[in-house]
Amino acid sequence: MNTQDNTILIIGGSAGIGFELARLLSSNGNRVIITGRNAERLRQAAAQLPGVTAIAGDVSKADDVERLVAQLAQEYPALNLVINNAGAAFVHSLVLDNGTFARAEAEMLTNYLAIIRLNELLLPLLKRQPAAAIVNVSSIVAFAPTGSIATYSASKAALHSYTQSLRFALAATSVKVFELMPPLVNTDFSQDIGGANGIPPAQVAEELVQALEQDEYEIHVGNTAGIYQLSLADPAAAFQAMNG
């Protein structure tokens, strides 16, 4: 896929991986729109990203999504690349803590169901473009779950399955479907699960852009390729590696 001269929407673009993607892609000659639920943090991010447009909104809320899609269709009819990077995660014991269902509901909505809703509403616009793509950001925990973030892991496994089906469904169209599978990344989002030990978000952004250029549809960043292969060969060993 060409990674220049695109109109790109980055969900969750105010920090971490999304922010670094906005920085890199805008510097490569793309028109970039970022969204985020925290309007002030989004404003601060946009101030550091010349030429990037910020639209505040929460993709887990139907009204916000409908407003976003209507604005995109009106103001950015050439939109051809969507990066679904929003996420929610809670460190939580399935046995010792209360509130398991409420946390799981929030994670599944943000990490899985909201992506399905947004993609569904944007597909008519994307399919009109001569070349378009959707990038769903999952995680290595889709293949080997981490017990302390059990439902986050489950939501990413669901997203991986959905992404495969979406790619199959769109095979005869102009829309390509990619899946980005990062390991632990050092962002504010990941600090509760040891994010300080993770790879830099700029590395994730760089590897994604390289993979897009090569039409590499399943993108294993950092050490995730090794865990993925281990999950196929020895699932119990992969689980132990993620929970050791």
C-alpha atoms as a PDB file:
ATOM      1  CA  MET A   1       0.000   0.000   0.000  1.00  0.00           C
ATOM      2  CA  ASN A   2       1.159   3.514  -0.716  1.00  0.00           C
ATOM      3  CA  THR A   3       1.915   5.290   2.578  1.00  0.00           C
ATOM      4  CA  GLN A   4       1.903   8.813   1.147  1.00  0.00           C
ATOM      5  CA  ASP A   5      -0.880  11.117  -0.065  1.00  0.00           C
ATOM      6  CA  ASN A   6      -3.560   9.385   1.994  1.00  0.00           C
ATOM      7  CA  THR A   7      -6.329  10.780   4.181  1.00  0.00           C
ATOM      8  CA  ILE A   8      -5.968   8.932   7.470  1.00  0.00           C
ATOM      9  CA  LEU A   9      -8.130   8.619  10.567  1.00  0.00           C
ATOM     10  CA  ILE A  10      -6.333   7.486  13.728  1.00  0.00           C
ATOM     11  CA  ILE A  11      -8.601   6.483  16.604  1.00  0.00           C
ATOM     12  CA  GLY A  12      -6.851   7.045  19.916  1.00  0.00           C
ATOM     13  CA  GLY A  13      -4.345   9.441  18.384  1.00  0.00           C
ATOM     14  CA  SER A  14      -3.642  11.701  21.345  1.00  0.00           C
ATOM     15  CA  ALA A  15      -0.928   9.587  22.992  1.00  0.00           C
ATOM     16  CA  GLY A  16       1.263   6.512  22.716  1.00  0.00           C
ATOM     17  CA  ILE A  17       1.169   4.482  19.508  1.00  0.00           C
ATOM     18  CA  GLY A  18      -1.554   6.628  17.950  1.00  0.00           C
ATOM     19  CA  PHE A  19       0.369   9.854  18.555  1.00  0.00           C
ATOM     20  CA  GLU A  20       3.567   8.429  17.060  1.00  0.00           C
ATOM     21  CA  LEU A  21       1.639   7.167  14.045  1.00  0.00           C
ATOM     22  CA  ALA A  22       0.135  10.620  13.549  1.00  0.00           C
ATOM     23  CA  ARG A  23       3.582  12.198  13.764  1.00  0.00           C
ATOM     24  CA  LEU A  24       5.153   9.758  11.307  1.00  0.00           C
ATOM     25  CA  LEU A  25       2.324   9.603   8.794  1.00  0.00           C
ATOM     26  CA  SER A  26       1.764  13.366   8.712  1.00  0.00           C
ATOM     27  CA  SER A  27       5.487  13.927   8.127  1.00  0.00           C
ATOM     28  CA  ASN A  28       5.264  11.482   5.185  1.00  0.00           C
ATOM     29  CA  GLY A  29       2.847  13.699   3.287  1.00  0.00           C
ATOM     30  CA  ASN A  30      -0.498  12.348   4.491  1.00  0.00           C
ATOM     31  CA  ARG A  31      -3.542  14.249   5.705  1.00  0.00           C
ATOM     32  CA  VAL A  32      -4.129  12.964   9.252  1.00  0.00           C
ATOM     33  CA  ILE A  33      -7.144  13.213  11.558  1.00  0.00           C
ATOM     34  CA  ILE A  34      -6.839  12.063  15.173  1.00  0.00           C
ATOM     35  CA  THR A  35      -9.595  11.358  17.665  1.00  0.00           C
ATOM     36  CA  GLY A  36      -9.689  10.815  21.409  1.00  0.00           C
ATOM     37  CA  ARG A  37     -12.157  10.913  24.237  1.00  0.00           C
ATOM     38  CA  ASN A  38     -10.178  13.460  26.309  1.00  0.00           C
ATOM     39  CA  ALA A  39     -10.620  16.781  24.512  1.00  0.00           C
ATOM     40  CA  GLU A  40      -7.864  18.602  26.385  1.00  0.00           C
ATOM     41  CA  ARG A  41      -5.276  15.888  25.856  1.00  0.00           C
ATOM     42  CA  LEU A  42      -6.291  15.750  22.200  1.00  0.00           C
ATOM     43  CA  ARG A  43      -5.828  19.515  21.883  1.00  0.00           C
ATOM     44  CA  GLN A  44      -2.367  19.287  23.434  1.00  0.00           C
ATOM     45  CA  ALA A  45      -1.425  16.454  21.079  1.00  0.00           C
ATOM     46  CA  ALA A  46      -2.601  18.354  18.005  1.00  0.00           C
ATOM     47  CA  ALA A  47      -0.533  21.363  19.092  1.00  0.00           C
ATOM     48  CA  GLN A  48       2.563  19.182  18.716  1.00  0.00           C
ATOM     49  CA  LEU A  49       1.510  17.822  15.322  1.00  0.00           C
ATOM     50  CA  PRO A  50       1.511  20.552  12.659  1.00  0.00           C
ATOM     51  CA  GLY A  51      -1.120  19.982  10.012  1.00  0.00           C
ATOM     52  CA  VAL A  52      -2.951  17.262  11.952  1.00  0.00           C
ATOM     53  CA  THR A  53      -6.678  17.742  12.601  1.00  0.00           C
ATOM     54  CA  ALA A  54      -8.193  16.750  15.960  1.00  0.00           C
ATOM     55  CA  ILE A  55     -11.817  15.696  16.436  1.00  0.00           C
ATOM     56  CA  ALA A  56     -12.837  14.917  20.008  1.00  0.00           C
ATOM     57  CA  GLY A  57     -15.097  11.926  20.561  1.00  0.00           C
ATOM     58  CA  ASP A  58     -15.507   8.596  22.292  1.00  0.00           C
ATOM     59  CA  VAL A  59     -15.778   5.674  19.855  1.00  0.00           C
ATOM     60  CA  SER A  60     -17.507   3.586  22.511  1.00  0.00           C
ATOM     61  CA  LYS A  61     -20.503   5.970  22.300  1.00  0.00           C
ATOM     62  CA  ALA A  62     -22.868   5.565  19.362  1.00  0.00           C
ATOM     63  CA  ASP A  63     -23.777   9.270  19.137  1.00  0.00           C
ATOM     64  CA  ASP A  64     -20.119  10.305  19.003  1.00  0.00           C
ATOM     65  CA  VAL A  65     -19.396   7.773  16.271  1.00  0.00           C
ATOM     66  CA  GLU A  66     -22.335   8.881  14.154  1.00  0.00           C
ATOM     67  CA  ARG A  67     -21.226  12.520  14.443  1.00  0.00           C
ATOM     68  CA  LEU A  68     -17.663  11.574  13.554  1.00  0.00           C
ATOM     69  CA  VAL A  69     -18.682   9.577  10.488  1.00  0.00           C
ATOM     70  CA  ALA A  70     -20.982  12.352   9.260  1.00  0.00           C
ATOM     71  CA  GLN A  71     -18.202  14.937   9.659  1.00  0.00           C
ATOM     72  CA  LEU A  72     -15.698  12.741   7.851  1.00  0.00           C
ATOM     73  CA  ALA A  73     -18.051  12.136   4.944  1.00  0.00           C
ATOM     74  CA  GLN A  74     -18.702  15.885   4.650  1.00  0.00           C
ATOM     75  CA  GLU A  75     -15.215  17.285   5.204  1.00  0.00           C
ATOM     76  CA  TYR A  76     -12.892  14.396   4.299  1.00  0.00           C
ATOM     77  CA  PRO A  77     -14.560  12.481   1.441  1.00  0.00           C
ATOM     78  CA  ALA A  78     -11.153  11.129   0.339  1.00  0.00           C
ATOM     79  CA  LEU A  79     -10.681   9.226   3.613  1.00  0.00           C
ATOM     80  CA  ASN A  80      -8.961   5.968   2.702  1.00  0.00           C
ATOM     81  CA  LEU A  81      -7.100   4.686   5.767  1.00  0.00           C
ATOM     82  CA  VAL A  82      -8.536   4.004   9.232  1.00  0.00           C
ATOM     83  CA  ILE A  83      -6.356   2.923  12.156  1.00  0.00           C
ATOM     84  CA  ASN A  84      -8.414   1.531  15.033  1.00  0.00           C
ATOM     85  CA  ASN A  85      -6.092   2.171  17.963  1.00  0.00           C
ATOM     86  CA  ALA A  86      -8.421   2.983  20.866  1.00  0.00           C
ATOM     87  CA  GLY A  87      -8.164   0.643  23.822  1.00  0.00           C
ATOM     88  CA  ALA A  88      -9.224  -0.054  27.404  1.00  0.00           C
ATOM     89  CA  ALA A  89      -7.490  -2.408  29.833  1.00  0.00           C
ATOM     90  CA  PHE A  90      -7.845  -3.182  33.524  1.00  0.00           C
ATOM     91  CA  VAL A  91      -5.411  -5.121  35.676  1.00  0.00           C
ATOM     92  CA  HIS A  92      -7.838  -7.355  37.513  1.00  0.00           C
ATOM     93  CA  SER A  93      -8.015 -10.677  39.352  1.00  0.00           C
ATOM     94  CA  LEU A  94     -10.886 -12.851  38.149  1.00  0.00           C
ATOM     95  CA  VAL A  95     -11.049 -14.423  41.603  1.00  0.00           C
ATOM     96  CA  LEU A  96     -10.003 -11.850  44.189  1.00  0.00           C
ATOM     97  CA  ASP A  97     -11.506  -8.629  42.850  1.00  0.00           C
ATOM     98  CA  ASN A  98     -15.079  -7.427  42.436  1.00  0.00           C
ATOM     99  CA  GLY A  99     -16.439  -5.743  39.339  1.00  0.00           C
ATOM    100  CA  THR A 100     -15.268  -8.334  36.833  1.00  0.00           C
ATOM    101  CA  PHE A 101     -18.333  -7.988  34.621  1.00  0.00           C
ATOM    102  CA  ALA A 102     -18.288  -4.179  34.564  1.00  0.00           C
ATOM    103  CA  ARG A 103     -14.628  -4.111  33.592  1.00  0.00           C
ATOM    104  CA  ALA A 104     -15.125  -6.814  30.978  1.00  0.00           C
ATOM    105  CA  GLU A 105     -18.082  -4.966  29.491  1.00  0.00           C
ATOM    106  CA  ALA A 106     -16.034  -1.772  29.105  1.00  0.00           C
ATOM    107  CA  GLU A 107     -13.086  -3.624  27.567  1.00  0.00           C
ATOM    108  CA  MET A 108     -15.180  -5.586  25.080  1.00  0.00           C
ATOM    109  CA  LEU A 109     -17.076  -2.470  24.039  1.00  0.00           C
ATOM    110  CA  THR A 110     -13.980  -0.333  23.448  1.00  0.00           C
ATOM    111  CA  ASN A 111     -11.607  -2.971  22.113  1.00  0.00           C
ATOM    112  CA  TYR A 112     -13.997  -4.989  19.969  1.00  0.00           C
ATOM    113  CA  LEU A 113     -17.607  -3.893  19.517  1.00  0.00           C
ATOM    114  CA  ALA A 114     -16.818  -0.206  18.966  1.00  0.00           C
ATOM    115  CA  ILE A 115     -14.406  -1.142  16.183  1.00  0.00           C
ATOM    116  CA  ILE A 116     -17.064  -3.209  14.447  1.00  0.00           C
ATOM    117  CA  ARG A 117     -19.533  -0.315  14.629  1.00  0.00           C
ATOM    118  CA  LEU A 118     -17.065   2.259  13.316  1.00  0.00           C
ATOM    119  CA  ASN A 119     -15.862   0.017  10.491  1.00  0.00           C
ATOM    120  CA  GLU A 120     -19.424  -0.743   9.446  1.00  0.00           C
ATOM    121  CA  LEU A 121     -20.293   2.941   9.216  1.00  0.00           C
ATOM    122  CA  LEU A 122     -17.086   3.900   7.394  1.00  0.00           C
ATOM    123  CA  LEU A 123     -16.992   1.056   4.884  1.00  0.00           C
ATOM    124  CA  PRO A 124     -19.314   2.728   2.348  1.00  0.00           C
ATOM    125  CA  LEU A 125     -16.894   5.676   2.201  1.00  0.00           C
ATOM    126  CA  LEU A 126     -13.780   3.496   2.135  1.00  0.00           C
ATOM    127  CA  LYS A 127     -15.105   1.249  -0.628  1.00  0.00           C
ATOM    128  CA  ARG A 128     -15.527   4.264  -2.897  1.00  0.00           C
ATOM    129  CA  GLN A 129     -11.781   4.923  -2.840  1.00  0.00           C
ATOM    130  CA  PRO A 130      -9.491   3.376  -5.469  1.00  0.00           C
ATOM    131  CA  ALA A 131      -7.193   2.157  -2.664  1.00  0.00           C
ATOM    132  CA  ALA A 132      -8.120   1.963   1.011  1.00  0.00           C
ATOM    133  CA  ALA A 133      -7.254   0.116   4.191  1.00  0.00           C
ATOM    134  CA  ILE A 134      -8.338  -0.631   7.735  1.00  0.00           C
ATOM    135  CA  VAL A 135      -5.762  -1.327  10.440  1.00  0.00           C
ATOM    136  CA  ASN A 136      -7.046  -3.023  13.588  1.00  0.00           C
ATOM    137  CA  VAL A 137      -4.607  -2.855  16.501  1.00  0.00           C
ATOM    138  CA  SER A 138      -4.790  -6.090  18.462  1.00  0.00           C
ATOM    139  CA  SER A 139      -2.009  -7.535  20.657  1.00  0.00           C
ATOM    140  CA  ILE A 140       0.159 -10.565  21.208  1.00  0.00           C
ATOM    141  CA  VAL A 141      -2.220 -11.466  24.073  1.00  0.00           C
ATOM    142  CA  ALA A 142      -4.727 -12.464  21.381  1.00  0.00           C
ATOM    143  CA  PHE A 143      -2.686 -15.680  21.044  1.00  0.00           C
ATOM    144  CA  ALA A 144      -1.366 -16.196  24.563  1.00  0.00           C
ATOM    145  CA  PRO A 145      -3.486 -14.432  27.196  1.00  0.00           C
ATOM    146  CA  THR A 146      -2.095 -12.733  30.274  1.00  0.00           C
ATOM    147  CA  GLY A 147      -4.039 -13.667  33.390  1.00  0.00           C
ATOM    148  CA  SER A 148      -3.869 -10.229  35.010  1.00  0.00           C
ATOM    149  CA  ILE A 149      -5.594  -8.679  31.981  1.00  0.00           C
ATOM    150  CA  ALA A 150      -7.877 -11.576  31.143  1.00  0.00           C
ATOM    151  CA  THR A 151     -10.717  -9.771  29.397  1.00  0.00           C
ATOM    152  CA  TYR A 152      -8.371  -7.424  27.565  1.00  0.00           C
ATOM    153  CA  SER A 153      -6.711 -10.571  26.222  1.00  0.00           C
ATOM    154  CA  ALA A 154     -10.095 -12.032  25.282  1.00  0.00           C
ATOM    155  CA  SER A 155     -11.148  -8.820  23.528  1.00  0.00           C
ATOM    156  CA  LYS A 156      -7.998  -8.862  21.423  1.00  0.00           C
ATOM    157  CA  ALA A 157      -8.558 -12.529  20.545  1.00  0.00           C
ATOM    158  CA  ALA A 158     -12.049 -11.579  19.366  1.00  0.00           C
ATOM    159  CA  LEU A 159     -10.601  -8.682  17.379  1.00  0.00           C
ATOM    160  CA  HIS A 160      -8.080 -10.992  15.704  1.00  0.00           C
ATOM    161  CA  SER A 161     -10.843 -13.380  14.649  1.00  0.00           C
ATOM    162  CA  TYR A 162     -13.040 -10.543  13.375  1.00  0.00           C
ATOM    163  CA  THR A 163     -10.113  -9.038  11.450  1.00  0.00           C
ATOM    164  CA  GLN A 164      -9.516 -12.300   9.603  1.00  0.00           C
ATOM    165  CA  SER A 165     -13.188 -12.495   8.658  1.00  0.00           C
ATOM    166  CA  LEU A 166     -13.304  -8.849   7.592  1.00  0.00           C
ATOM    167  CA  ARG A 167     -10.245  -9.341   5.370  1.00  0.00           C
ATOM    168  CA  PHE A 168     -11.951 -12.312   3.743  1.00  0.00           C
ATOM    169  CA  ALA A 169     -15.220 -10.407   3.261  1.00  0.00           C
ATOM    170  CA  LEU A 170     -13.467  -7.449   1.622  1.00  0.00           C
ATOM    171  CA  ALA A 171     -11.095  -9.464  -0.559  1.00  0.00           C
ATOM    172  CA  ALA A 172     -12.867  -8.468  -3.773  1.00  0.00           C
ATOM    173  CA  THR A 173     -12.970  -4.746  -2.892  1.00  0.00           C
ATOM    174  CA  SER A 174     -10.396  -1.951  -2.823  1.00  0.00           C
ATOM    175  CA  VAL A 175     -10.178  -2.144   0.991  1.00  0.00           C
ATOM    176  CA  LYS A 176      -7.233  -4.017   2.500  1.00  0.00           C
ATOM    177  CA  VAL A 177      -7.378  -5.174   6.112  1.00  0.00           C
ATOM    178  CA  PHE A 178      -4.292  -5.195   8.322  1.00  0.00           C
ATOM    179  CA  GLU A 179      -3.756  -6.306  11.905  1.00  0.00           C
ATOM    180  CA  LEU A 180      -1.054  -4.763  14.082  1.00  0.00           C
ATOM    181  CA  MET A 181       0.059  -6.995  16.961  1.00  0.00           C
ATOM    182  CA  PRO A 182       2.326  -5.090  19.361  1.00  0.00           C
ATOM    183  CA  PRO A 183       4.066  -6.535  22.412  1.00  0.00           C
ATOM    184  CA  LEU A 184       4.267  -4.533  25.642  1.00  0.00           C
ATOM    185  CA  VAL A 185       4.753  -0.879  24.653  1.00  0.00           C
ATOM    186  CA  ASN A 186       5.998   1.890  26.922  1.00  0.00           C
ATOM    187  CA  THR A 187       2.983   4.208  26.989  1.00  0.00           C
ATOM    188  CA  ASP A 188       0.869   5.852  29.685  1.00  0.00           C
ATOM    189  CA  PHE A 189      -1.815   3.279  28.844  1.00  0.00           C
ATOM    190  CA  SER A 190       0.430   0.340  29.791  1.00  0.00           C
ATOM    191  CA  GLN A 191       2.085   1.548  32.992  1.00  0.00           C
ATOM    192  CA  ASP A 192      -0.105  -0.603  35.272  1.00  0.00           C
ATOM    193  CA  ILE A 193       1.129  -3.738  33.502  1.00  0.00           C
ATOM    194  CA  GLY A 194       4.830  -2.890  33.454  1.00  0.00           C
ATOM    195  CA  GLY A 195       4.856  -0.654  30.415  1.00  0.00           C
ATOM    196  CA  ALA A 196       8.147   0.923  31.427  1.00  0.00           C
ATOM    197  CA  ASN A 197       9.778  -2.315  30.261  1.00  0.00           C
ATOM    198  CA  GLY A 198       8.106  -2.171  26.852  1.00  0.00           C
ATOM    199  CA  ILE A 199       9.356  -1.058  23.462  1.00  0.00           C
ATOM    200  CA  PRO A 200       9.012   2.605  22.379  1.00  0.00           C
ATOM    201  CA  PRO A 201       5.745   3.504  20.624  1.00  0.00           C
ATOM    202  CA  ALA A 202       7.764   5.113  17.813  1.00  0.00           C
ATOM    203  CA  GLN A 203       9.158   1.666  16.973  1.00  0.00           C
ATOM    204  CA  VAL A 204       5.625   0.321  16.610  1.00  0.00           C
ATOM    205  CA  ALA A 205       4.705   3.198  14.294  1.00  0.00           C
ATOM    206  CA  GLU A 206       7.777   2.677  12.124  1.00  0.00           C
ATOM    207  CA  GLU A 207       7.227  -1.076  11.804  1.00  0.00           C
ATOM    208  CA  LEU A 208       3.560  -0.573  10.916  1.00  0.00           C
ATOM    209  CA  VAL A 209       4.384   1.851   8.105  1.00  0.00           C
ATOM    210  CA  GLN A 210       7.019  -0.544   6.732  1.00  0.00           C
ATOM    211  CA  ALA A 211       4.493  -3.400   6.802  1.00  0.00           C
ATOM    212  CA  LEU A 212       1.835  -1.316   5.047  1.00  0.00           C
ATOM    213  CA  GLU A 213       4.295  -0.573   2.262  1.00  0.00           C
ATOM    214  CA  GLN A 214       4.916  -4.314   1.835  1.00  0.00           C
ATOM    215  CA  ASP A 215       1.234  -5.349   2.144  1.00  0.00           C
ATOM    216  CA  GLU A 216       2.099  -7.467   5.185  1.00  0.00           C
ATOM    217  CA  TYR A 217      -1.368  -8.062   6.589  1.00  0.00           C
ATOM    218  CA  GLU A 218      -0.486  -9.574   9.981  1.00  0.00           C
ATOM    219  CA  ILE A 219       2.140  -7.340  11.532  1.00  0.00           C
ATOM    220  CA  HIS A 220       4.160  -8.822  14.413  1.00  0.00           C
ATOM    221  CA  VAL A 221       6.100  -6.053  16.120  1.00  0.00           C
ATOM    222  CA  GLY A 222       9.122  -6.589  18.328  1.00  0.00           C
ATOM    223  CA  ASN A 223       9.218 -10.091  19.834  1.00  0.00           C
ATOM    224  CA  THR A 224       5.598 -10.938  19.043  1.00  0.00           C
ATOM    225  CA  ALA A 225       6.515 -13.142  16.074  1.00  0.00           C
ATOM    226  CA  GLY A 226       8.304 -15.520  18.440  1.00  0.00           C
ATOM    227  CA  ILE A 227       5.384 -15.742  20.871  1.00  0.00           C
ATOM    228  CA  TYR A 228       2.983 -16.198  17.962  1.00  0.00           C
ATOM    229  CA  GLN A 229       4.987 -19.118  16.567  1.00  0.00           C
ATOM    230  CA  LEU A 230       5.281 -20.619  20.047  1.00  0.00           C
ATOM    231  CA  SER A 231       1.511 -20.338  20.514  1.00  0.00           C
ATOM    232  CA  LEU A 232       1.045 -22.456  17.389  1.00  0.00           C
ATOM    233  CA  ALA A 233       3.665 -25.050  18.301  1.00  0.00           C
ATOM    234  CA  ASP A 234       3.122 -25.272  22.062  1.00  0.00           C
ATOM    235  CA  PRO A 235       0.174 -23.244  23.440  1.00  0.00           C
ATOM    236  CA  ALA A 236       0.946 -24.200  27.053  1.00  0.00           C
ATOM    237  CA  ALA A 237       4.510 -22.956  26.725  1.00  0.00           C
ATOM    238  CA  ALA A 238       3.317 -19.721  25.154  1.00  0.00           C
ATOM    239  CA  PHE A 239       0.861 -19.203  28.013  1.00  0.00           C
ATOM    240  CA  GLN A 240       3.629 -19.833  30.528  1.00  0.00           C
ATOM    241  CA  ALA A 241       5.909 -17.363  28.730  1.00  0.00           C
ATOM    242  CA  MET A 242       3.250 -14.668  28.995  1.00  0.00           C
ATOM    243  CA  ASN A 243       2.476 -15.404  32.644  1.00  0.00           C
ATOM    244  CA  GLY A 244       5.828 -16.518  34.047  1.00  0.00           C
END
